[in-house]
């Protein structure tokens, strides 16, 4: 009867760790506000286009 073989996780099993630049852009309030406005304009364009 074969025994269960336990193997360590591969590096590919772990999620990627963001670098300093990525963390900076995620935490930057001004960049978040710009993205928020851009996303809202994009959504409004879709909504207005569907009601015409």
PDB file of N, CA and C in Angstrom:
ATOM      1  N   UNK A   1       0.837  -1.170   0.000  1.00  0.00           N
ATOM      2  CA  UNK A   1       0.000   0.000   0.000  1.00  0.00           C
ATOM      3  C   UNK A   1       0.892   1.248   0.000  1.00  0.00           C
ATOM      4  N   UNK A   2       0.778   2.143  -1.034  1.00  0.00           N
ATOM      5  CA  UNK A   2       1.650   3.318  -1.083  1.00  0.00           C
ATOM      6  C   UNK A   2       1.270   4.351  -0.018  1.00  0.00           C
ATOM      7  N   UNK A   3       2.299   4.983   0.525  1.00  0.00           N
ATOM      8  CA  UNK A   3       2.064   6.028   1.529  1.00  0.00           C
ATOM      9  C   UNK A   3       1.802   7.353   0.820  1.00  0.00           C
ATOM     10  N   UNK A   4       1.035   8.208   1.493  1.00  0.00           N
ATOM     11  CA  UNK A   4       0.802   9.546   0.937  1.00  0.00           C
ATOM     12  C   UNK A   4       2.088  10.358   1.056  1.00  0.00           C
ATOM     13  N   UNK A   5       2.478  10.924  -0.058  1.00  0.00           N
ATOM     14  CA  UNK A   5       3.693  11.725  -0.080  1.00  0.00           C
ATOM     15  C   UNK A   5       3.297  13.193   0.065  1.00  0.00           C
ATOM     16  N   UNK A   6       3.841  13.840   1.091  1.00  0.00           N
ATOM     17  CA  UNK A   6       3.566  15.252   1.323  1.00  0.00           C
ATOM     18  C   UNK A   6       4.707  16.055   0.734  1.00  0.00           C
ATOM     19  N   UNK A   7       4.365  16.979  -0.141  1.00  0.00           N
ATOM     20  CA  UNK A   7       5.376  17.806  -0.782  1.00  0.00           C
ATOM     21  C   UNK A   7       5.154  19.254  -0.376  1.00  0.00           C
ATOM     22  N   UNK A   8       6.211  20.005  -0.380  1.00  0.00           N
ATOM     23  CA  UNK A   8       6.122  21.431  -0.057  1.00  0.00           C
ATOM     24  C   UNK A   8       5.434  22.165  -1.206  1.00  0.00           C
ATOM     25  N   UNK A   9       4.875  23.315  -0.887  1.00  0.00           N
ATOM     26  CA  UNK A   9       4.249  24.129  -1.921  1.00  0.00           C
ATOM     27  C   UNK A   9       5.317  24.713  -2.835  1.00  0.00           C
ATOM     28  N   UNK A  10       4.965  24.825  -4.088  1.00  0.00           N
ATOM     29  CA  UNK A  10       5.850  25.463  -5.044  1.00  0.00           C
ATOM     30  C   UNK A  10       5.731  26.978  -4.900  1.00  0.00           C
ATOM     31  N   UNK A  11       6.729  27.697  -5.384  1.00  0.00           N
ATOM     32  CA  UNK A  11       6.673  29.159  -5.341  1.00  0.00           C
ATOM     33  C   UNK A  11       5.487  29.694  -6.131  1.00  0.00           C
ATOM     34  N   UNK A  12       5.063  28.986  -7.160  1.00  0.00           N
ATOM     35  CA  UNK A  12       3.942  29.426  -7.981  1.00  0.00           C
ATOM     36  C   UNK A  12       2.620  29.369  -7.219  1.00  0.00           C
ATOM     37  N   UNK A  13       2.591  28.668  -6.095  1.00  0.00           N
ATOM     38  CA  UNK A  13       1.361  28.537  -5.327  1.00  0.00           C
ATOM     39  C   UNK A  13       1.061  29.784  -4.503  1.00  0.00           C
ATOM     40  N   UNK A  14       2.051  30.610  -4.278  1.00  0.00           N
ATOM     41  CA  UNK A  14       1.873  31.792  -3.447  1.00  0.00           C
ATOM     42  C   UNK A  14       1.527  32.992  -4.324  1.00  0.00           C
ATOM     43  N   UNK A  15       0.708  33.915  -3.807  1.00  0.00           N
ATOM     44  CA  UNK A  15       0.374  35.100  -4.614  1.00  0.00           C
ATOM     45  C   UNK A  15       1.586  36.020  -4.753  1.00  0.00           C
ATOM     46  N   UNK A  16       1.626  36.792  -5.833  1.00  0.00           N
ATOM     47  CA  UNK A  16       2.754  37.708  -6.007  1.00  0.00           C
ATOM     48  C   UNK A  16       2.710  38.827  -4.973  1.00  0.00           C
ATOM     49  N   UNK A  17       3.871  39.256  -4.535  1.00  0.00           N
ATOM     50  CA  UNK A  17       3.972  40.343  -3.557  1.00  0.00           C
ATOM     51  C   UNK A  17       4.185  41.637  -4.329  1.00  0.00           C
ATOM     52  N   UNK A  18       3.338  42.661  -4.086  1.00  0.00           N
ATOM     53  CA  UNK A  18       3.508  43.912  -4.830  1.00  0.00           C
ATOM     54  C   UNK A  18       4.801  44.628  -4.441  1.00  0.00           C
ATOM     55  N   UNK A  19       5.391  45.304  -5.421  1.00  0.00           N
ATOM     56  CA  UNK A  19       6.618  46.039  -5.129  1.00  0.00           C
ATOM     57  C   UNK A  19       6.283  47.422  -4.549  1.00  0.00           C
ATOM     58  N   UNK A  20       7.310  48.209  -4.244  1.00  0.00           N
ATOM     59  CA  UNK A  20       7.106  49.511  -3.594  1.00  0.00           C
ATOM     60  C   UNK A  20       6.309  50.466  -4.469  1.00  0.00           C
ATOM     61  N   UNK A  21       6.566  50.435  -5.769  1.00  0.00           N
ATOM     62  CA  UNK A  21       5.850  51.337  -6.676  1.00  0.00           C
ATOM     63  C   UNK A  21       4.357  51.022  -6.710  1.00  0.00           C
ATOM     64  N   UNK A  22       4.012  49.746  -6.774  1.00  0.00           N
ATOM     65  CA  UNK A  22       2.615  49.344  -6.776  1.00  0.00           C
ATOM     66  C   UNK A  22       1.924  49.748  -5.484  1.00  0.00           C
ATOM     67  N   UNK A  23       2.579  49.530  -4.359  1.00  0.00           N
ATOM     68  CA  UNK A  23       1.999  49.923  -3.076  1.00  0.00           C
ATOM     69  C   UNK A  23       1.817  51.434  -3.002  1.00  0.00           C
ATOM     70  N   UNK A  24       2.759  52.206  -3.553  1.00  0.00           N
ATOM     71  CA  UNK A  24       2.635  53.659  -3.557  1.00  0.00           C
ATOM     72  C   UNK A  24       1.388  54.095  -4.308  1.00  0.00           C
ATOM     73  N   UNK A  25       1.173  53.544  -5.509  1.00  0.00           N
ATOM     74  CA  UNK A  25       0.014  53.948  -6.302  1.00  0.00           C
ATOM     75  C   UNK A  25      -1.289  53.480  -5.683  1.00  0.00           C
ATOM     76  N   UNK A  26      -1.293  52.363  -4.986  1.00  0.00           N
ATOM     77  CA  UNK A  26      -2.506  51.893  -4.314  1.00  0.00           C
ATOM     78  C   UNK A  26      -2.880  52.778  -3.136  1.00  0.00           C
ATOM     79  N   UNK A  27      -1.899  53.376  -2.471  1.00  0.00           N
ATOM     80  CA  UNK A  27      -2.145  54.182  -1.279  1.00  0.00           C
ATOM     81  C   UNK A  27      -2.290  55.671  -1.582  1.00  0.00           C
ATOM     82  N   UNK A  28      -1.967  56.098  -2.782  1.00  0.00           N
ATOM     83  CA  UNK A  28      -1.971  57.502  -3.140  1.00  0.00           C
ATOM     84  C   UNK A  28      -3.412  57.997  -3.317  1.00  0.00           C
ATOM     85  N   UNK A  29      -3.842  58.908  -2.441  1.00  0.00           N
ATOM     86  CA  UNK A  29      -5.222  59.409  -2.438  1.00  0.00           C
ATOM     87  C   UNK A  29      -5.536  60.190  -3.712  1.00  0.00           C
ATOM     88  N   UNK A  30      -4.575  60.990  -4.187  1.00  0.00           N
ATOM     89  CA  UNK A  30      -4.814  61.776  -5.399  1.00  0.00           C
ATOM     90  C   UNK A  30      -5.036  60.851  -6.596  1.00  0.00           C
ATOM     91  N   UNK A  31      -4.229  59.830  -6.733  1.00  0.00           N
ATOM     92  CA  UNK A  31      -4.383  58.875  -7.844  1.00  0.00           C
ATOM     93  C   UNK A  31      -5.714  58.132  -7.740  1.00  0.00           C
ATOM     94  N   UNK A  32      -6.114  57.787  -6.533  1.00  0.00           N
ATOM     95  CA  UNK A  32      -7.394  57.115  -6.344  1.00  0.00           C
ATOM     96  C   UNK A  32      -8.548  58.021  -6.757  1.00  0.00           C
ATOM     97  N   UNK A  33      -8.449  59.330  -6.456  1.00  0.00           N
ATOM     98  CA  UNK A  33      -9.502  60.273  -6.846  1.00  0.00           C
ATOM     99  C   UNK A  33      -9.576  60.396  -8.371  1.00  0.00           C
ATOM    100  N   UNK A  34      -8.424  60.446  -9.027  1.00  0.00           N
ATOM    101  CA  UNK A  34      -8.404  60.527 -10.492  1.00  0.00           C
ATOM    102  C   UNK A  34      -9.032  59.279 -11.097  1.00  0.00           C
ATOM    103  N   UNK A  35      -8.675  58.123 -10.601  1.00  0.00           N
ATOM    104  CA  UNK A  35      -9.253  56.869 -11.116  1.00  0.00           C
ATOM    105  C   UNK A  35     -10.746  56.787 -10.850  1.00  0.00           C
ATOM    106  N   UNK A  36     -11.186  57.311  -9.684  1.00  0.00           N
ATOM    107  CA  UNK A  36     -12.599  57.316  -9.332  1.00  0.00           C
ATOM    108  C   UNK A  36     -13.398  58.153 -10.331  1.00  0.00           C
ATOM    109  N   UNK A  37     -12.897  59.350 -10.634  1.00  0.00           N
ATOM    110  CA  UNK A  37     -13.581  60.222 -11.597  1.00  0.00           C
ATOM    111  C   UNK A  37     -13.595  59.576 -12.974  1.00  0.00           C
ATOM    112  N   UNK A  38     -12.478  59.009 -13.391  1.00  0.00           N
ATOM    113  CA  UNK A  38     -12.400  58.359 -14.699  1.00  0.00           C
ATOM    114  C   UNK A  38     -13.391  57.205 -14.803  1.00  0.00           C
ATOM    115  N   UNK A  39     -13.459  56.397 -13.768  1.00  0.00           N
ATOM    116  CA  UNK A  39     -14.375  55.258 -13.792  1.00  0.00           C
ATOM    117  C   UNK A  39     -15.826  55.726 -13.822  1.00  0.00           C
ATOM    118  N   UNK A  40     -16.153  56.775 -13.050  1.00  0.00           N
ATOM    119  CA  UNK A  40     -17.516  57.293 -13.059  1.00  0.00           C
ATOM    120  C   UNK A  40     -17.894  57.864 -14.420  1.00  0.00           C
ATOM    121  N   UNK A  41     -16.974  58.568 -15.066  1.00  0.00           N
ATOM    122  CA  UNK A  41     -17.254  59.089 -16.404  1.00  0.00           C
ATOM    123  C   UNK A  41     -17.472  57.958 -17.401  1.00  0.00           C
ATOM    124  N   UNK A  42     -16.703  56.917 -17.269  1.00  0.00           N
ATOM    125  CA  UNK A  42     -16.841  55.763 -18.155  1.00  0.00           C
ATOM    126  C   UNK A  42     -18.207  55.092 -17.969  1.00  0.00           C
ATOM    127  N   UNK A  43     -18.631  54.952 -16.716  1.00  0.00           N
ATOM    128  CA  UNK A  43     -19.934  54.349 -16.418  1.00  0.00           C
ATOM    129  C   UNK A  43     -21.060  55.243 -16.930  1.00  0.00           C
ATOM    130  N   UNK A  44     -20.928  56.561 -16.716  1.00  0.00           N
ATOM    131  CA  UNK A  44     -21.961  57.490 -17.179  1.00  0.00           C
ATOM    132  C   UNK A  44     -22.090  57.460 -18.699  1.00  0.00           C
ATOM    133  N   UNK A  45     -20.972  57.314 -19.406  1.00  0.00           N
ATOM    134  CA  UNK A  45     -21.030  57.233 -20.859  1.00  0.00           C
ATOM    135  C   UNK A  45     -21.833  56.002 -21.303  1.00  0.00           C
ATOM    136  N   UNK A  46     -21.653  54.904 -20.606  1.00  0.00           N
ATOM    137  CA  UNK A  46     -22.401  53.685 -20.932  1.00  0.00           C
ATOM    138  C   UNK A  46     -23.876  53.874 -20.636  1.00  0.00           C
ATOM    139  N   UNK A  47     -24.207  54.478 -19.488  1.00  0.00           N
ATOM    140  CA  UNK A  47     -25.605  54.678 -19.097  1.00  0.00           C
ATOM    141  C   UNK A  47     -26.303  55.643 -20.053  1.00  0.00           C
ATOM    142  N   UNK A  48     -25.654  56.782 -20.343  1.00  0.00           N
ATOM    143  CA  UNK A  48     -26.263  57.770 -21.237  1.00  0.00           C
ATOM    144  C   UNK A  48     -26.420  57.204 -22.638  1.00  0.00           C
ATOM    145  N   UNK A  49     -25.457  56.422 -23.075  1.00  0.00           N
ATOM    146  CA  UNK A  49     -25.555  55.817 -24.401  1.00  0.00           C
ATOM    147  C   UNK A  49     -26.687  54.806 -24.493  1.00  0.00           C
ATOM    148  N   UNK A  50     -27.021  54.163 -23.403  1.00  0.00           N
ATOM    149  CA  UNK A  50     -28.102  53.193 -23.412  1.00  0.00           C
ATOM    150  C   UNK A  50     -29.482  53.820 -23.349  1.00  0.00           C
ATOM    151  N   UNK A  51     -29.575  55.073 -22.916  1.00  0.00           N
ATOM    152  CA  UNK A  51     -30.871  55.742 -22.789  1.00  0.00           C
ATOM    153  C   UNK A  51     -31.216  56.607 -23.984  1.00  0.00           C
ATOM    154  N   UNK A  52     -30.368  56.621 -24.996  1.00  0.00           N
ATOM    155  CA  UNK A  52     -30.681  57.468 -26.145  1.00  0.00           C
ATOM    156  C   UNK A  52     -31.406  56.699 -27.223  1.00  0.00           C
TER     157      UNK A  52
END
